[in-house]
C-alpha cells in the first residue's frame, strides 16, 4: 500500500494504491493520523488505484470518518473500482460514507 497526499484550501486529498488489509491497516491508520491536520475541513480518499480493501481497512476508514465527524469535518471517498465498490455495498458502508465518482465531484460537493 502506498499513499500520496495533497492539500488545497484546507482539504486533504489522500490517494491510496495497492491493497489495504490486516497486514498494513495499522500503517494506514498511523499515516492518516499523522497527515490529517486540525485545520483540514475535509479529507478526500481517492481509491482509484486501490485494488482490494478488507475488513481491517474498512475499520480504519470508519475510524477516520468518526474522528473527522467529531470535529465537524468530513470524509469523502471517490474513484472506487468495481471490486472495492462492491465491498462498500455489501458491508453497507456506501450508506454511511459519501462516495463520489471523481475527486472533482467530491471537492464540488463540499461547496454545496
N, C-alpha and C. Protein backbone atom coordinates (compact mmCIF):
# COMPACT_ATOMS: atom_id res chain seq x y z
N UNK A 1 0.83 -1.16 0.00
CA UNK A 1 0.00 0.00 0.00
C UNK A 1 0.89 1.24 0.00
N UNK A 2 0.57 2.17 -0.87
CA UNK A 2 1.26 3.45 -0.95
C UNK A 2 0.24 4.57 -0.86
N UNK A 3 0.66 5.67 -0.24
CA UNK A 3 -0.20 6.84 -0.12
C UNK A 3 0.45 8.05 -0.76
N UNK A 4 -0.37 8.87 -1.39
CA UNK A 4 0.06 10.18 -1.85
C UNK A 4 -0.88 11.19 -1.22
N UNK A 5 -0.36 12.36 -0.92
CA UNK A 5 -1.20 13.38 -0.29
C UNK A 5 -1.02 14.72 -0.98
N UNK A 6 -2.07 15.50 -0.91
CA UNK A 6 -2.07 16.87 -1.44
C UNK A 6 -3.08 17.67 -0.64
N UNK A 7 -2.74 18.88 -0.30
CA UNK A 7 -3.65 19.72 0.49
C UNK A 7 -3.90 21.01 -0.28
N UNK A 8 -5.19 21.41 -0.34
CA UNK A 8 -5.56 22.65 -1.01
C UNK A 8 -6.79 23.22 -0.30
N UNK A 9 -6.69 24.46 0.15
CA UNK A 9 -7.82 25.13 0.83
C UNK A 9 -8.38 24.31 1.98
N UNK A 10 -7.50 23.79 2.82
CA UNK A 10 -7.90 23.00 3.99
C UNK A 10 -8.66 21.73 3.66
N UNK A 11 -8.43 21.22 2.45
CA UNK A 11 -8.97 19.92 2.05
C UNK A 11 -7.78 19.03 1.73
N UNK A 12 -7.68 17.93 2.46
CA UNK A 12 -6.60 16.98 2.26
C UNK A 12 -7.08 15.88 1.32
N UNK A 13 -6.32 15.63 0.27
CA UNK A 13 -6.60 14.51 -0.64
C UNK A 13 -5.56 13.43 -0.40
N UNK A 14 -6.05 12.21 -0.20
CA UNK A 14 -5.16 11.07 0.02
C UNK A 14 -5.44 10.04 -1.06
N UNK A 15 -4.44 9.75 -1.86
CA UNK A 15 -4.54 8.70 -2.86
C UNK A 15 -4.01 7.41 -2.26
N UNK A 16 -4.76 6.33 -2.40
CA UNK A 16 -4.37 5.05 -1.83
C UNK A 16 -4.18 4.06 -2.98
N UNK A 17 -3.00 3.42 -2.99
CA UNK A 17 -2.68 2.48 -4.08
C UNK A 17 -2.30 1.13 -3.50
N UNK A 18 -2.76 0.07 -4.14
CA UNK A 18 -2.39 -1.29 -3.74
C UNK A 18 -3.52 -2.00 -3.01
N UNK A 19 -3.15 -2.69 -1.95
CA UNK A 19 -4.10 -3.45 -1.13
C UNK A 19 -4.14 -2.87 0.27
N UNK A 20 -5.32 -2.88 0.85
CA UNK A 20 -5.49 -2.40 2.21
C UNK A 20 -6.17 -3.51 3.01
N UNK A 21 -5.37 -4.18 3.84
CA UNK A 21 -5.89 -5.32 4.59
C UNK A 21 -5.24 -5.39 5.97
N UNK A 22 -5.38 -6.51 6.64
CA UNK A 22 -4.86 -6.67 8.01
C UNK A 22 -3.35 -6.45 8.08
N UNK A 23 -2.65 -6.73 7.00
CA UNK A 23 -1.18 -6.66 7.05
C UNK A 23 -0.65 -5.23 7.07
N UNK A 24 -1.46 -4.27 6.64
CA UNK A 24 -0.97 -2.89 6.60
C UNK A 24 -1.97 -1.87 7.15
N UNK A 25 -3.03 -2.34 7.78
CA UNK A 25 -4.04 -1.41 8.27
C UNK A 25 -3.51 -0.50 9.38
N UNK A 26 -2.62 -1.01 10.24
CA UNK A 26 -2.04 -0.15 11.28
C UNK A 26 -1.16 0.94 10.68
N UNK A 27 -0.42 0.59 9.65
CA UNK A 27 0.41 1.57 8.96
C UNK A 27 -0.48 2.63 8.31
N UNK A 28 -1.57 2.21 7.69
CA UNK A 28 -2.53 3.12 7.08
C UNK A 28 -3.13 4.05 8.13
N UNK A 29 -3.54 3.48 9.26
CA UNK A 29 -4.14 4.28 10.34
C UNK A 29 -3.15 5.32 10.85
N UNK A 30 -1.91 4.92 11.08
CA UNK A 30 -0.90 5.86 11.57
C UNK A 30 -0.60 6.95 10.55
N UNK A 31 -0.55 6.57 9.27
CA UNK A 31 -0.27 7.55 8.22
C UNK A 31 -1.38 8.59 8.13
N UNK A 32 -2.61 8.14 8.22
CA UNK A 32 -3.74 9.07 8.17
C UNK A 32 -3.71 10.00 9.38
N UNK A 33 -3.52 9.41 10.54
CA UNK A 33 -3.48 10.19 11.78
C UNK A 33 -2.38 11.25 11.73
N UNK A 34 -1.22 10.89 11.19
CA UNK A 34 -0.09 11.82 11.11
C UNK A 34 -0.29 12.89 10.03
N UNK A 35 -1.10 12.61 9.04
CA UNK A 35 -1.26 13.51 7.90
C UNK A 35 -2.39 14.52 8.08
N UNK A 36 -3.48 14.10 8.71
CA UNK A 36 -4.63 15.00 8.89
C UNK A 36 -4.26 16.08 9.90
N UNK A 37 -4.54 17.32 9.52
CA UNK A 37 -4.28 18.45 10.40
C UNK A 37 -5.59 18.99 10.97
N UNK A 38 -5.51 19.64 12.10
CA UNK A 38 -6.70 20.20 12.75
C UNK A 38 -7.43 21.20 11.85
N UNK A 39 -6.70 21.85 10.97
CA UNK A 39 -7.31 22.86 10.10
C UNK A 39 -7.99 22.26 8.87
N UNK A 40 -7.82 20.95 8.64
CA UNK A 40 -8.47 20.31 7.50
C UNK A 40 -9.97 20.24 7.74
N UNK A 41 -10.73 20.79 6.80
CA UNK A 41 -12.19 20.74 6.93
C UNK A 41 -12.78 19.51 6.25
N UNK A 42 -11.95 18.85 5.43
CA UNK A 42 -12.39 17.63 4.76
C UNK A 42 -11.18 16.81 4.32
N UNK A 43 -11.42 15.51 4.21
CA UNK A 43 -10.43 14.59 3.68
C UNK A 43 -11.10 13.81 2.56
N UNK A 44 -10.47 13.82 1.39
CA UNK A 44 -10.97 13.05 0.25
C UNK A 44 -10.02 11.87 0.06
N UNK A 45 -10.53 10.66 0.20
CA UNK A 45 -9.74 9.47 -0.06
C UNK A 45 -10.04 8.99 -1.47
N UNK A 46 -9.01 9.03 -2.30
CA UNK A 46 -9.13 8.63 -3.70
C UNK A 46 -8.67 7.18 -3.81
N UNK A 47 -9.62 6.30 -4.12
CA UNK A 47 -9.33 4.86 -4.19
C UNK A 47 -9.19 4.37 -5.63
N UNK A 48 -8.85 5.26 -6.55
CA UNK A 48 -8.73 4.87 -7.97
C UNK A 48 -7.72 3.75 -8.17
N UNK A 49 -6.67 3.73 -7.37
CA UNK A 49 -5.62 2.72 -7.53
C UNK A 49 -5.62 1.70 -6.40
N UNK A 50 -6.73 1.65 -5.65
CA UNK A 50 -6.86 0.65 -4.59
C UNK A 50 -7.43 -0.62 -5.20
N UNK A 51 -6.67 -1.71 -5.10
CA UNK A 51 -7.08 -2.98 -5.70
C UNK A 51 -7.99 -3.81 -4.80
N UNK A 52 -7.79 -3.66 -3.49
CA UNK A 52 -8.51 -4.50 -2.53
C UNK A 52 -8.61 -3.78 -1.20
N UNK A 53 -9.76 -3.93 -0.53
CA UNK A 53 -9.89 -3.45 0.85
C UNK A 53 -10.59 -4.54 1.65
N UNK A 54 -9.98 -4.90 2.78
CA UNK A 54 -10.54 -5.90 3.68
C UNK A 54 -11.18 -5.24 4.88
N UNK A 55 -11.65 -6.06 5.79
CA UNK A 55 -12.36 -5.54 6.96
C UNK A 55 -11.47 -4.64 7.82
N UNK A 56 -10.19 -4.96 7.94
CA UNK A 56 -9.29 -4.11 8.74
C UNK A 56 -9.14 -2.73 8.09
N UNK A 57 -9.09 -2.69 6.77
CA UNK A 57 -9.03 -1.41 6.06
C UNK A 57 -10.31 -0.62 6.21
N UNK A 58 -11.45 -1.30 6.14
CA UNK A 58 -12.74 -0.64 6.33
C UNK A 58 -12.83 -0.03 7.73
N UNK A 59 -12.31 -0.75 8.71
CA UNK A 59 -12.32 -0.25 10.08
C UNK A 59 -11.56 1.06 10.20
N UNK A 60 -10.40 1.13 9.54
CA UNK A 60 -9.60 2.36 9.59
C UNK A 60 -10.34 3.51 8.91
N UNK A 61 -10.97 3.24 7.79
CA UNK A 61 -11.75 4.27 7.09
C UNK A 61 -12.87 4.77 8.00
N UNK A 62 -13.56 3.86 8.68
CA UNK A 62 -14.64 4.25 9.57
C UNK A 62 -14.12 5.05 10.76
N UNK A 63 -12.98 4.66 11.32
CA UNK A 63 -12.39 5.41 12.43
C UNK A 63 -12.00 6.82 12.00
N UNK A 64 -11.47 6.94 10.79
CA UNK A 64 -11.11 8.27 10.27
C UNK A 64 -12.36 9.13 10.11
N UNK A 65 -13.42 8.54 9.58
CA UNK A 65 -14.67 9.28 9.40
C UNK A 65 -15.22 9.74 10.75
N UNK A 66 -15.18 8.88 11.74
CA UNK A 66 -15.67 9.23 13.07
C UNK A 66 -14.84 10.35 13.69
N UNK A 67 -13.54 10.24 13.57
CA UNK A 67 -12.65 11.27 14.12
C UNK A 67 -12.91 12.63 13.47
N UNK A 68 -13.08 12.63 12.16
CA UNK A 68 -13.35 13.88 11.45
C UNK A 68 -14.73 14.43 11.83
N UNK A 69 -15.72 13.57 11.88
CA UNK A 69 -17.08 13.98 12.24
C UNK A 69 -17.11 14.66 13.61
N UNK A 70 -16.34 14.12 14.54
CA UNK A 70 -16.32 14.67 15.90
C UNK A 70 -15.81 16.11 15.95
N UNK A 71 -15.08 16.51 14.93
CA UNK A 71 -14.61 17.90 14.91
C UNK A 71 -15.20 18.68 13.74
N UNK A 72 -16.37 18.21 13.27
CA UNK A 72 -17.16 18.89 12.24
C UNK A 72 -16.42 18.97 10.91
N UNK A 73 -15.67 17.94 10.59
CA UNK A 73 -15.02 17.83 9.28
C UNK A 73 -15.62 16.60 8.58
N UNK A 74 -15.31 16.45 7.31
CA UNK A 74 -15.93 15.39 6.51
C UNK A 74 -14.89 14.46 5.91
N UNK A 75 -15.30 13.21 5.72
CA UNK A 75 -14.53 12.24 4.95
C UNK A 75 -15.36 11.89 3.73
N UNK A 76 -14.75 12.04 2.56
CA UNK A 76 -15.41 11.69 1.31
C UNK A 76 -14.53 10.67 0.58
N UNK A 77 -15.16 9.74 -0.09
CA UNK A 77 -14.44 8.73 -0.86
C UNK A 77 -14.74 8.95 -2.33
N UNK A 78 -13.78 8.59 -3.18
CA UNK A 78 -14.03 8.72 -4.61
C UNK A 78 -13.26 7.68 -5.40
N UNK A 79 -13.68 7.51 -6.64
CA UNK A 79 -13.00 6.69 -7.63
C UNK A 79 -12.84 5.23 -7.21
N UNK A 80 -13.88 4.65 -6.65
CA UNK A 80 -13.81 3.25 -6.23
C UNK A 80 -13.89 2.34 -7.45
N UNK A 81 -12.98 1.38 -7.53
CA UNK A 81 -13.05 0.37 -8.58
C UNK A 81 -14.27 -0.51 -8.30
N UNK A 82 -14.68 -1.29 -9.28
CA UNK A 82 -15.86 -2.14 -9.09
C UNK A 82 -15.71 -3.10 -7.92
N UNK A 83 -14.56 -3.80 -7.77
CA UNK A 83 -14.44 -4.72 -6.62
C UNK A 83 -14.48 -3.99 -5.27
N UNK A 84 -13.85 -2.83 -5.18
CA UNK A 84 -13.85 -2.06 -3.93
C UNK A 84 -15.26 -1.52 -3.67
N UNK A 85 -15.91 -1.03 -4.70
CA UNK A 85 -17.29 -0.53 -4.55
C UNK A 85 -18.21 -1.65 -4.06
N UNK A 86 -18.01 -2.85 -4.55
CA UNK A 86 -18.83 -3.99 -4.13
C UNK A 86 -18.64 -4.27 -2.64
N UNK A 87 -17.42 -4.17 -2.14
CA UNK A 87 -17.18 -4.35 -0.70
C UNK A 87 -17.94 -3.30 0.09
N UNK A 88 -17.91 -2.06 -0.37
CA UNK A 88 -18.63 -0.99 0.33
C UNK A 88 -20.14 -1.21 0.27
N UNK A 89 -20.62 -1.76 -0.84
CA UNK A 89 -22.05 -2.03 -0.98
C UNK A 89 -22.48 -3.17 -0.05
N UNK A 90 -21.75 -4.27 -0.09
CA UNK A 90 -22.11 -5.46 0.69
C UNK A 90 -22.05 -5.18 2.20
N UNK A 91 -21.09 -4.39 2.62
CA UNK A 91 -20.94 -4.10 4.04
C UNK A 91 -21.85 -2.97 4.53
N UNK A 92 -22.49 -2.27 3.61
CA UNK A 92 -23.36 -1.16 3.99
C UNK A 92 -22.63 0.15 4.18
N UNK A 93 -21.33 0.16 3.93
CA UNK A 93 -20.54 1.39 4.11
C UNK A 93 -20.94 2.46 3.10
N UNK A 94 -21.50 2.06 1.95
CA UNK A 94 -21.90 3.06 0.97
C UNK A 94 -23.05 3.92 1.49
N UNK A 95 -23.77 3.43 2.49
CA UNK A 95 -24.84 4.23 3.10
C UNK A 95 -24.31 5.12 4.22
N UNK A 96 -23.12 4.81 4.71
CA UNK A 96 -22.53 5.57 5.82
C UNK A 96 -21.63 6.71 5.37
N UNK A 97 -20.99 6.53 4.23
CA UNK A 97 -19.98 7.49 3.77
C UNK A 97 -20.32 7.99 2.38
N UNK A 98 -20.09 9.30 2.13
CA UNK A 98 -20.33 9.82 0.78
C UNK A 98 -19.29 9.28 -0.19
N UNK A 99 -19.78 8.73 -1.30
CA UNK A 99 -18.90 8.19 -2.34
C UNK A 99 -19.18 8.94 -3.64
N UNK A 100 -18.12 9.43 -4.26
CA UNK A 100 -18.23 10.20 -5.50
C UNK A 100 -17.45 9.51 -6.61
N UNK A 101 -17.83 9.80 -7.83
CA UNK A 101 -17.17 9.17 -8.98
C UNK A 101 -15.75 9.68 -9.18
N UNK A 102 -15.52 10.96 -8.94
CA UNK A 102 -14.20 11.55 -9.20
C UNK A 102 -13.79 12.46 -8.03
N UNK A 103 -12.50 12.77 -7.94
CA UNK A 103 -12.06 13.73 -6.93
C UNK A 103 -12.72 15.10 -7.12
N UNK A 104 -12.90 15.50 -8.37
CA UNK A 104 -13.53 16.79 -8.65
C UNK A 104 -14.96 16.83 -8.12
N UNK A 105 -15.71 15.74 -8.30
CA UNK A 105 -17.08 15.69 -7.78
C UNK A 105 -17.08 15.73 -6.25
N UNK A 106 -16.14 15.04 -5.63
CA UNK A 106 -16.05 15.06 -4.17
C UNK A 106 -15.78 16.48 -3.67
N UNK A 107 -14.82 17.14 -4.31
CA UNK A 107 -14.48 18.51 -3.93
C UNK A 107 -15.66 19.45 -4.13
N UNK A 108 -16.35 19.30 -5.26
CA UNK A 108 -17.51 20.17 -5.57
C UNK A 108 -18.63 19.98 -4.55
N UNK A 109 -18.76 18.77 -4.01
CA UNK A 109 -19.83 18.51 -3.04
C UNK A 109 -19.60 19.29 -1.74
N UNK A 110 -18.38 19.68 -1.48
CA UNK A 110 -18.06 20.44 -0.26
C UNK A 110 -18.60 21.86 -0.34
N UNK A 111 -18.82 22.34 -1.55
CA UNK A 111 -19.26 23.72 -1.73
C UNK A 111 -20.79 23.85 -1.75
N UNK A 112 -21.48 22.75 -1.61
CA UNK A 112 -22.95 22.79 -1.63
C UNK A 112 -23.50 23.09 -0.28
